[in-house]
Amino acid sequence: MYTIEQRLKTKQWDVILDELIDKGFAVVPDVVDEQECAQLLGEFKAEYRYRKTVVMERYRFGRGVYKYFHYPLPSILTELRENFYGYLMPLANRWMEVLKINVQFPQMHKDFIAQCKNNGQDKTTALILGYGAGGFCAMHQDLYGEIFFPMQLVLFLDDIDTDYTGGEFILTENIPMAQSRTHVVKPKKGDIIVFTTNFRPVKGERGYYRVTMKHGVSTIHSGERHTLGLIFHDAKS
């Protein structure tokens, strides 16, 4: 079985990064295998794994449940965060540069996590989400503190149109002085979508400007939908 590092080396990173620049998201196919998806899905009810459970209806976030993992994370989640970060960090620094934001991300994810900790952000943001029929997730951003990484990941643990219907992944772009744009994405089990956490740069006639993005999940019509969110920064609470 190939490691996460070995699997990511086979991906078309020039295409992935170009899509992130052009659209604010990209699907990386076949990152996690069937057995690994089943193992992560099997732990959804293993409460000892989680530091906090949120019933979304209570806060008008949507309809479903999500659970934040405790540290230490399952090894595969650590591998995913650390290895994806290495590919995304140069682009993240480029985004900060063209937007004239005085932030530079370190080369290693562990050093970025140390920055979060020094800012009081020391709780893991990795989470698993579950929805049944009628479930959905309102449009939102995952920031958690002053320090945040401009991209994040979602791993899909079920197959759309087989394990569930509806439940498409939705992204919106709030473009200054223009109508918003919506993207509807349907990754399959084992795929990971990389997308903008907060904003991304877009080049205009007078230089670069920010396009704010949010994400959510459309209503699930039948079956059950589970995903795993991997945010590169940690949280204050």
C-alpha atoms as a PDB file:
ATOM      1  CA  MET A   1       0.000   0.000   0.000  1.00  0.00           C
ATOM      2  CA  TYR A   2       1.410   3.373  -1.014  1.00  0.00           C
ATOM      3  CA  THR A   3       1.830   6.068   1.642  1.00  0.00           C
ATOM      4  CA  ILE A   4      -0.034   9.365   1.366  1.00  0.00           C
ATOM      5  CA  GLU A   5       3.242  11.015   0.399  1.00  0.00           C
ATOM      6  CA  GLN A   6       3.772   8.521  -2.433  1.00  0.00           C
ATOM      7  CA  ARG A   7       0.186   8.856  -3.669  1.00  0.00           C
ATOM      8  CA  LEU A   8       0.328  12.645  -3.809  1.00  0.00           C
ATOM      9  CA  LYS A   9       3.536  12.539  -5.831  1.00  0.00           C
ATOM     10  CA  THR A  10       1.573  10.910  -8.669  1.00  0.00           C
ATOM     11  CA  LYS A  11      -0.999  13.736  -8.877  1.00  0.00           C
ATOM     12  CA  GLN A  12      -0.938  16.454 -11.540  1.00  0.00           C
ATOM     13  CA  TRP A  13       0.022  19.324  -9.285  1.00  0.00           C
ATOM     14  CA  ASP A  14       0.470  21.802 -12.100  1.00  0.00           C
ATOM     15  CA  VAL A  15      -3.178  21.224 -13.081  1.00  0.00           C
ATOM     16  CA  ILE A  16      -4.399  21.249  -9.460  1.00  0.00           C
ATOM     17  CA  LEU A  17      -2.665  24.536  -8.637  1.00  0.00           C
ATOM     18  CA  ASP A  18      -3.841  26.148 -11.878  1.00  0.00           C
ATOM     19  CA  GLU A  19      -7.431  25.218 -11.001  1.00  0.00           C
ATOM     20  CA  LEU A  20      -7.019  26.711  -7.525  1.00  0.00           C
ATOM     21  CA  ILE A  21      -5.790  29.934  -9.105  1.00  0.00           C
ATOM     22  CA  ASP A  22      -8.555  30.040 -11.733  1.00  0.00           C
ATOM     23  CA  LYS A  23     -11.539  28.758  -9.733  1.00  0.00           C
ATOM     24  CA  GLY A  24     -10.602  28.652  -6.051  1.00  0.00           C
ATOM     25  CA  PHE A  25     -10.982  24.873  -5.840  1.00  0.00           C
ATOM     26  CA  ALA A  26      -9.734  21.627  -7.360  1.00  0.00           C
ATOM     27  CA  VAL A  27     -10.636  17.957  -6.946  1.00  0.00           C
ATOM     28  CA  VAL A  28      -7.738  15.578  -6.268  1.00  0.00           C
ATOM     29  CA  PRO A  29      -9.008  12.106  -7.203  1.00  0.00           C
ATOM     30  CA  ASP A  30      -8.385   8.752  -5.535  1.00  0.00           C
ATOM     31  CA  VAL A  31      -6.293   9.922  -2.579  1.00  0.00           C
ATOM     32  CA  VAL A  32      -7.765   7.557   0.045  1.00  0.00           C
ATOM     33  CA  ASP A  33      -8.683   3.951  -0.702  1.00  0.00           C
ATOM     34  CA  GLU A  34     -11.870   2.030   0.049  1.00  0.00           C
ATOM     35  CA  GLN A  35     -10.513   0.362   3.190  1.00  0.00           C
ATOM     36  CA  GLU A  36      -9.260   3.640   4.665  1.00  0.00           C
ATOM     37  CA  CYS A  37     -12.595   5.345   3.979  1.00  0.00           C
ATOM     38  CA  ALA A  38     -14.415   2.477   5.691  1.00  0.00           C
ATOM     39  CA  GLN A  39     -12.116   2.671   8.713  1.00  0.00           C
ATOM     40  CA  LEU A  40     -12.648   6.420   9.136  1.00  0.00           C
ATOM     41  CA  LEU A  41     -16.375   6.024   8.619  1.00  0.00           C
ATOM     42  CA  GLY A  42     -16.468   3.217  11.182  1.00  0.00           C
ATOM     43  CA  GLU A  43     -15.058   5.563  13.798  1.00  0.00           C
ATOM     44  CA  PHE A  44     -17.877   8.098  13.375  1.00  0.00           C
ATOM     45  CA  LYS A  45     -19.566   6.701  16.503  1.00  0.00           C
ATOM     46  CA  ALA A  46     -16.316   6.180  18.459  1.00  0.00           C
ATOM     47  CA  GLU A  47     -16.822   9.104  20.836  1.00  0.00           C
ATOM     48  CA  TYR A  48     -13.418   8.757  22.488  1.00  0.00           C
ATOM     49  CA  ARG A  49     -11.909  10.103  19.255  1.00  0.00           C
ATOM     50  CA  TYR A  50     -13.633  13.476  19.548  1.00  0.00           C
ATOM     51  CA  ARG A  51     -13.260  16.550  21.739  1.00  0.00           C
ATOM     52  CA  LYS A  52     -16.573  18.126  20.761  1.00  0.00           C
ATOM     53  CA  THR A  53     -19.823  17.180  19.014  1.00  0.00           C
ATOM     54  CA  VAL A  54     -22.042  19.805  17.381  1.00  0.00           C
ATOM     55  CA  VAL A  55     -25.689  19.216  16.449  1.00  0.00           C
ATOM     56  CA  MET A  56     -26.055  21.685  13.614  1.00  0.00           C
ATOM     57  CA  GLU A  57     -29.772  22.467  14.060  1.00  0.00           C
ATOM     58  CA  ARG A  58     -29.120  24.002  17.501  1.00  0.00           C
ATOM     59  CA  TYR A  59     -27.069  26.786  15.957  1.00  0.00           C
ATOM     60  CA  ARG A  60     -28.882  27.094  12.614  1.00  0.00           C
ATOM     61  CA  PHE A  61     -25.763  25.838  10.850  1.00  0.00           C
ATOM     62  CA  GLY A  62     -27.804  23.284   8.917  1.00  0.00           C
ATOM     63  CA  ARG A  63     -29.099  19.812   9.712  1.00  0.00           C
ATOM     64  CA  GLY A  64     -26.574  17.146  10.648  1.00  0.00           C
ATOM     65  CA  VAL A  65     -23.790  16.428  13.129  1.00  0.00           C
ATOM     66  CA  TYR A  66     -20.091  17.147  13.124  1.00  0.00           C
ATOM     67  CA  LYS A  67     -17.389  16.074  15.554  1.00  0.00           C
ATOM     68  CA  TYR A  68     -13.959  17.562  16.187  1.00  0.00           C
ATOM     69  CA  PHE A  69     -11.143  15.075  16.698  1.00  0.00           C
ATOM     70  CA  HIS A  70      -8.860  15.051  19.714  1.00  0.00           C
ATOM     71  CA  TYR A  71      -5.103  15.293  19.324  1.00  0.00           C
ATOM     72  CA  PRO A  72      -3.310  13.103  18.448  1.00  0.00           C
ATOM     73  CA  LEU A  73      -5.117  12.691  15.160  1.00  0.00           C
ATOM     74  CA  PRO A  74      -5.388   9.336  13.386  1.00  0.00           C
ATOM     75  CA  SER A  75      -2.109   8.967  11.493  1.00  0.00           C
ATOM     76  CA  ILE A  76      -3.703   9.219   8.048  1.00  0.00           C
ATOM     77  CA  LEU A  77      -5.134  12.660   8.898  1.00  0.00           C
ATOM     78  CA  THR A  78      -1.747  13.922  10.040  1.00  0.00           C
ATOM     79  CA  GLU A  79      -0.171  12.599   6.836  1.00  0.00           C
ATOM     80  CA  LEU A  80      -2.815  14.288   4.702  1.00  0.00           C
ATOM     81  CA  ARG A  81      -2.431  17.669   6.402  1.00  0.00           C
ATOM     82  CA  GLU A  82       1.370  17.644   6.360  1.00  0.00           C
ATOM     83  CA  ASN A  83       1.768  16.454   2.770  1.00  0.00           C
ATOM     84  CA  PHE A  84      -0.935  18.614   1.205  1.00  0.00           C
ATOM     85  CA  TYR A  85       0.457  21.622   3.060  1.00  0.00           C
ATOM     86  CA  GLY A  86       3.826  21.132   1.386  1.00  0.00           C
ATOM     87  CA  TYR A  87       2.258  21.396  -2.072  1.00  0.00           C
ATOM     88  CA  LEU A  88      -0.066  24.295  -1.227  1.00  0.00           C
ATOM     89  CA  MET A  89       2.243  26.489   0.876  1.00  0.00           C
ATOM     90  CA  PRO A  90       4.125  28.123  -2.052  1.00  0.00           C
ATOM     91  CA  LEU A  91       0.842  29.152  -3.681  1.00  0.00           C
ATOM     92  CA  ALA A  92      -0.513  30.419  -0.349  1.00  0.00           C
ATOM     93  CA  ASN A  93       2.570  32.622   0.034  1.00  0.00           C
ATOM     94  CA  ARG A  94       2.147  33.862  -3.526  1.00  0.00           C
ATOM     95  CA  TRP A  95      -1.457  34.815  -2.768  1.00  0.00           C
ATOM     96  CA  MET A  96      -0.378  36.816   0.283  1.00  0.00           C
ATOM     97  CA  GLU A  97       2.320  38.537  -1.769  1.00  0.00           C
ATOM     98  CA  VAL A  98       0.088  39.697  -4.639  1.00  0.00           C
ATOM     99  CA  LEU A  99      -2.584  40.885  -2.185  1.00  0.00           C
ATOM    100  CA  LYS A 100       0.101  42.789  -0.226  1.00  0.00           C
ATOM    101  CA  ILE A 101      -0.713  40.966   3.027  1.00  0.00           C
ATOM    102  CA  ASN A 102       2.238  40.781   5.406  1.00  0.00           C
ATOM    103  CA  VAL A 103       1.979  37.040   6.050  1.00  0.00           C
ATOM    104  CA  GLN A 104       4.377  34.283   5.058  1.00  0.00           C
ATOM    105  CA  PHE A 105       3.674  30.628   5.825  1.00  0.00           C
ATOM    106  CA  PRO A 106       6.572  28.428   6.961  1.00  0.00           C
ATOM    107  CA  GLN A 107       7.717  25.492   4.849  1.00  0.00           C
ATOM    108  CA  MET A 108       6.697  22.825   7.362  1.00  0.00           C
ATOM    109  CA  HIS A 109       3.163  22.331   8.644  1.00  0.00           C
ATOM    110  CA  LYS A 110       4.416  21.623  12.170  1.00  0.00           C
ATOM    111  CA  ASP A 111       5.971  25.113  12.253  1.00  0.00           C
ATOM    112  CA  PHE A 112       2.678  26.645  11.130  1.00  0.00           C
ATOM    113  CA  ILE A 113       0.880  24.764  13.931  1.00  0.00           C
ATOM    114  CA  ALA A 114       3.471  26.171  16.369  1.00  0.00           C
ATOM    115  CA  GLN A 115       2.489  29.673  15.203  1.00  0.00           C
ATOM    116  CA  CYS A 116      -1.156  28.836  15.862  1.00  0.00           C
ATOM    117  CA  LYS A 117      -0.300  27.573  19.340  1.00  0.00           C
ATOM    118  CA  ASN A 118       1.619  30.734  20.158  1.00  0.00           C
ATOM    119  CA  ASN A 119      -1.546  32.661  19.264  1.00  0.00           C
ATOM    120  CA  GLY A 120      -3.687  30.565  21.612  1.00  0.00           C
ATOM    121  CA  GLN A 121      -5.002  28.367  18.789  1.00  0.00           C
ATOM    122  CA  ASP A 122      -4.167  24.918  20.144  1.00  0.00           C
ATOM    123  CA  LYS A 123      -7.280  22.799  19.493  1.00  0.00           C
ATOM    124  CA  THR A 124      -7.560  20.593  16.445  1.00  0.00           C
ATOM    125  CA  THR A 125      -9.966  21.622  13.704  1.00  0.00           C
ATOM    126  CA  ALA A 126     -10.063  18.229  11.952  1.00  0.00           C
ATOM    127  CA  LEU A 127     -13.667  17.055  11.943  1.00  0.00           C
ATOM    128  CA  ILE A 128     -15.989  14.392  10.591  1.00  0.00           C
ATOM    129  CA  LEU A 129     -19.476  15.297   9.394  1.00  0.00           C
ATOM    130  CA  GLY A 130     -22.603  13.159   9.008  1.00  0.00           C
ATOM    131  CA  TYR A 131     -25.936  13.932   7.341  1.00  0.00           C
ATOM    132  CA  GLY A 132     -29.108  11.944   6.712  1.00  0.00           C
ATOM    133  CA  ALA A 133     -32.047  12.626   4.420  1.00  0.00           C
ATOM    134  CA  GLY A 134     -33.048  16.283   4.732  1.00  0.00           C
ATOM    135  CA  GLY A 135     -29.613  17.255   6.012  1.00  0.00           C
ATOM    136  CA  PHE A 136     -27.651  20.205   4.678  1.00  0.00           C
ATOM    137  CA  CYS A 137     -24.916  22.633   5.657  1.00  0.00           C
ATOM    138  CA  ALA A 138     -25.354  26.404   5.390  1.00  0.00           C
ATOM    139  CA  MET A 139     -22.755  28.446   3.533  1.00  0.00           C
ATOM    140  CA  HIS A 140     -19.850  29.345   5.797  1.00  0.00           C
ATOM    141  CA  GLN A 141     -16.099  29.735   6.294  1.00  0.00           C
ATOM    142  CA  ASP A 142     -13.806  27.794   8.664  1.00  0.00           C
ATOM    143  CA  LEU A 143     -11.532  30.419  10.226  1.00  0.00           C
ATOM    144  CA  TYR A 144     -11.308  29.679  13.999  1.00  0.00           C
ATOM    145  CA  GLY A 145      -8.852  32.461  14.837  1.00  0.00           C
ATOM    146  CA  GLU A 146      -6.674  35.292  13.568  1.00  0.00           C
ATOM    147  CA  ILE A 147      -4.163  32.854  12.078  1.00  0.00           C
ATOM    148  CA  PHE A 148      -5.564  30.791   9.222  1.00  0.00           C
ATOM    149  CA  PHE A 149      -4.350  29.059   6.080  1.00  0.00           C
ATOM    150  CA  PRO A 150      -6.064  30.211   2.852  1.00  0.00           C
ATOM    151  CA  MET A 151      -6.919  26.700   1.629  1.00  0.00           C
ATOM    152  CA  GLN A 152      -8.444  23.604   3.213  1.00  0.00           C
ATOM    153  CA  LEU A 153      -9.521  20.043   2.368  1.00  0.00           C
ATOM    154  CA  VAL A 154     -12.607  17.851   2.426  1.00  0.00           C
ATOM    155  CA  LEU A 155     -12.309  14.065   2.041  1.00  0.00           C
ATOM    156  CA  PHE A 156     -15.420  12.249   0.773  1.00  0.00           C
ATOM    157  CA  LEU A 157     -16.198   8.984   2.583  1.00  0.00           C
ATOM    158  CA  ASP A 158     -19.305   7.936   0.594  1.00  0.00           C
ATOM    159  CA  ASP A 159     -20.247   7.779  -3.085  1.00  0.00           C
ATOM    160  CA  ILE A 160     -22.758  10.320  -4.327  1.00  0.00           C
ATOM    161  CA  ASP A 161     -25.709   8.826  -6.260  1.00  0.00           C
ATOM    162  CA  THR A 162     -24.928   5.421  -4.705  1.00  0.00           C
ATOM    163  CA  ASP A 163     -24.761   5.908  -0.929  1.00  0.00           C
ATOM    164  CA  TYR A 164     -26.771   9.127  -1.010  1.00  0.00           C
ATOM    165  CA  THR A 165     -28.522  11.473  -3.433  1.00  0.00           C
ATOM    166  CA  GLY A 166     -28.437  15.244  -3.364  1.00  0.00           C
ATOM    167  CA  GLY A 167     -25.795  16.558  -0.994  1.00  0.00           C
ATOM    168  CA  GLU A 168     -23.642  18.268  -3.602  1.00  0.00           C
ATOM    169  CA  PHE A 169     -20.682  20.327  -2.425  1.00  0.00           C
ATOM    170  CA  ILE A 170     -21.416  24.012  -3.043  1.00  0.00           C
ATOM    171  CA  LEU A 171     -19.000  26.939  -3.330  1.00  0.00           C
ATOM    172  CA  THR A 172     -19.895  30.579  -3.877  1.00  0.00           C
ATOM    173  CA  GLU A 173     -17.684  33.426  -5.031  1.00  0.00           C
ATOM    174  CA  ASN A 174     -18.605  36.906  -3.822  1.00  0.00           C
ATOM    175  CA  ILE A 175     -17.103  39.063  -6.561  1.00  0.00           C
ATOM    176  CA  PRO A 176     -16.839  42.816  -5.828  1.00  0.00           C
ATOM    177  CA  MET A 177     -19.245  44.940  -7.889  1.00  0.00           C
ATOM    178  CA  ALA A 178     -20.721  41.861  -9.577  1.00  0.00           C
ATOM    179  CA  GLN A 179     -23.220  39.065  -9.047  1.00  0.00           C
ATOM    180  CA  SER A 180     -22.089  36.059  -7.013  1.00  0.00           C
ATOM    181  CA  ARG A 181     -21.029  32.869  -8.799  1.00  0.00           C
ATOM    182  CA  THR A 182     -21.858  29.352  -7.611  1.00  0.00           C
ATOM    183  CA  HIS A 183     -20.015  26.082  -8.228  1.00  0.00           C
ATOM    184  CA  VAL A 184     -21.637  22.659  -7.682  1.00  0.00           C
ATOM    185  CA  VAL A 185     -19.156  19.791  -7.260  1.00  0.00           C
ATOM    186  CA  LYS A 186     -19.757  16.029  -6.944  1.00  0.00           C
ATOM    187  CA  PRO A 187     -16.520  14.280  -5.872  1.00  0.00           C
ATOM    188  CA  LYS A 188     -16.604  10.535  -5.372  1.00  0.00           C
ATOM    189  CA  LYS A 189     -15.525   8.390  -2.412  1.00  0.00           C
ATOM    190  CA  GLY A 190     -11.799   8.761  -1.700  1.00  0.00           C
ATOM    191  CA  ASP A 191     -11.500  12.081  -3.547  1.00  0.00           C
ATOM    192  CA  ILE A 192     -10.347  15.240  -1.810  1.00  0.00           C
ATOM    193  CA  ILE A 193     -11.451  18.726  -2.759  1.00  0.00           C
ATOM    194  CA  VAL A 194      -9.005  21.548  -2.046  1.00  0.00           C
ATOM    195  CA  PHE A 195     -10.658  24.943  -1.837  1.00  0.00           C
ATOM    196  CA  THR A 196     -10.342  28.513  -0.632  1.00  0.00           C
ATOM    197  CA  THR A 197     -10.887  29.039   3.097  1.00  0.00           C
ATOM    198  CA  ASN A 198     -11.695  32.751   3.045  1.00  0.00           C
ATOM    199  CA  PHE A 199     -10.571  34.717  -0.022  1.00  0.00           C
ATOM    200  CA  ARG A 200      -8.304  34.355  -3.034  1.00  0.00           C
ATOM    201  CA  PRO A 201      -6.665  36.867  -5.380  1.00  0.00           C
ATOM    202  CA  VAL A 202      -8.032  37.576  -8.840  1.00  0.00           C
ATOM    203  CA  LYS A 203      -6.181  39.777 -11.290  1.00  0.00           C
ATOM    204  CA  GLY A 204      -8.093  42.760 -12.623  1.00  0.00           C
ATOM    205  CA  GLU A 205      -7.221  45.763 -14.771  1.00  0.00           C
ATOM    206  CA  ARG A 206      -5.774  47.615 -11.779  1.00  0.00           C
ATOM    207  CA  GLY A 207      -4.014  44.724 -10.111  1.00  0.00           C
ATOM    208  CA  TYR A 208      -5.191  41.966  -7.799  1.00  0.00           C
ATOM    209  CA  TYR A 209      -8.357  42.088  -5.739  1.00  0.00           C
ATOM    210  CA  ARG A 210      -9.950  39.700  -3.227  1.00  0.00           C
ATOM    211  CA  VAL A 211     -12.758  37.330  -4.097  1.00  0.00           C
ATOM    212  CA  THR A 212     -14.422  35.972  -0.952  1.00  0.00           C
ATOM    213  CA  MET A 213     -15.571  32.346  -1.024  1.00  0.00           C
ATOM    214  CA  LYS A 214     -17.911  30.282   1.147  1.00  0.00           C
ATOM    215  CA  HIS A 215     -18.816  26.602   1.053  1.00  0.00           C
ATOM    216  CA  GLY A 216     -21.712  24.389   2.104  1.00  0.00           C
ATOM    217  CA  VAL A 217     -23.719  21.269   1.270  1.00  0.00           C
ATOM    218  CA  SER A 218     -27.022  21.084  -0.602  1.00  0.00           C
ATOM    219  CA  THR A 219     -29.948  19.103   0.843  1.00  0.00           C
ATOM    220  CA  ILE A 220     -29.490  15.332   1.020  1.00  0.00           C
ATOM    221  CA  HIS A 221     -32.500  13.627  -0.599  1.00  0.00           C
ATOM    222  CA  SER A 222     -31.809  10.045   0.490  1.00  0.00           C
ATOM    223  CA  GLY A 223     -29.178   7.904   2.187  1.00  0.00           C
ATOM    224  CA  GLU A 224     -26.317   9.093   4.397  1.00  0.00           C
ATOM    225  CA  ARG A 225     -23.437  11.397   3.550  1.00  0.00           C
ATOM    226  CA  HIS A 226     -20.148  11.575   5.478  1.00  0.00           C
ATOM    227  CA  THR A 227     -17.087  13.704   4.882  1.00  0.00           C
ATOM    228  CA  LEU A 228     -13.927  14.556   6.746  1.00  0.00           C
ATOM    229  CA  GLY A 229     -12.787  18.171   6.948  1.00  0.00           C
ATOM    230  CA  LEU A 230      -9.086  18.979   7.247  1.00  0.00           C
ATOM    231  CA  ILE A 231      -8.278  22.585   8.075  1.00  0.00           C
ATOM    232  CA  PHE A 232      -4.588  23.400   8.256  1.00  0.00           C
ATOM    233  CA  HIS A 233      -4.838  25.874  11.144  1.00  0.00           C
ATOM    234  CA  ASP A 234      -5.978  25.107  14.706  1.00  0.00           C
ATOM    235  CA  ALA A 235      -8.691  26.754  16.791  1.00  0.00           C
ATOM    236  CA  LYS A 236      -8.919  28.853  19.943  1.00  0.00           C
ATOM    237  CA  SER A 237     -11.957  26.942  21.167  1.00  0.00           C
END
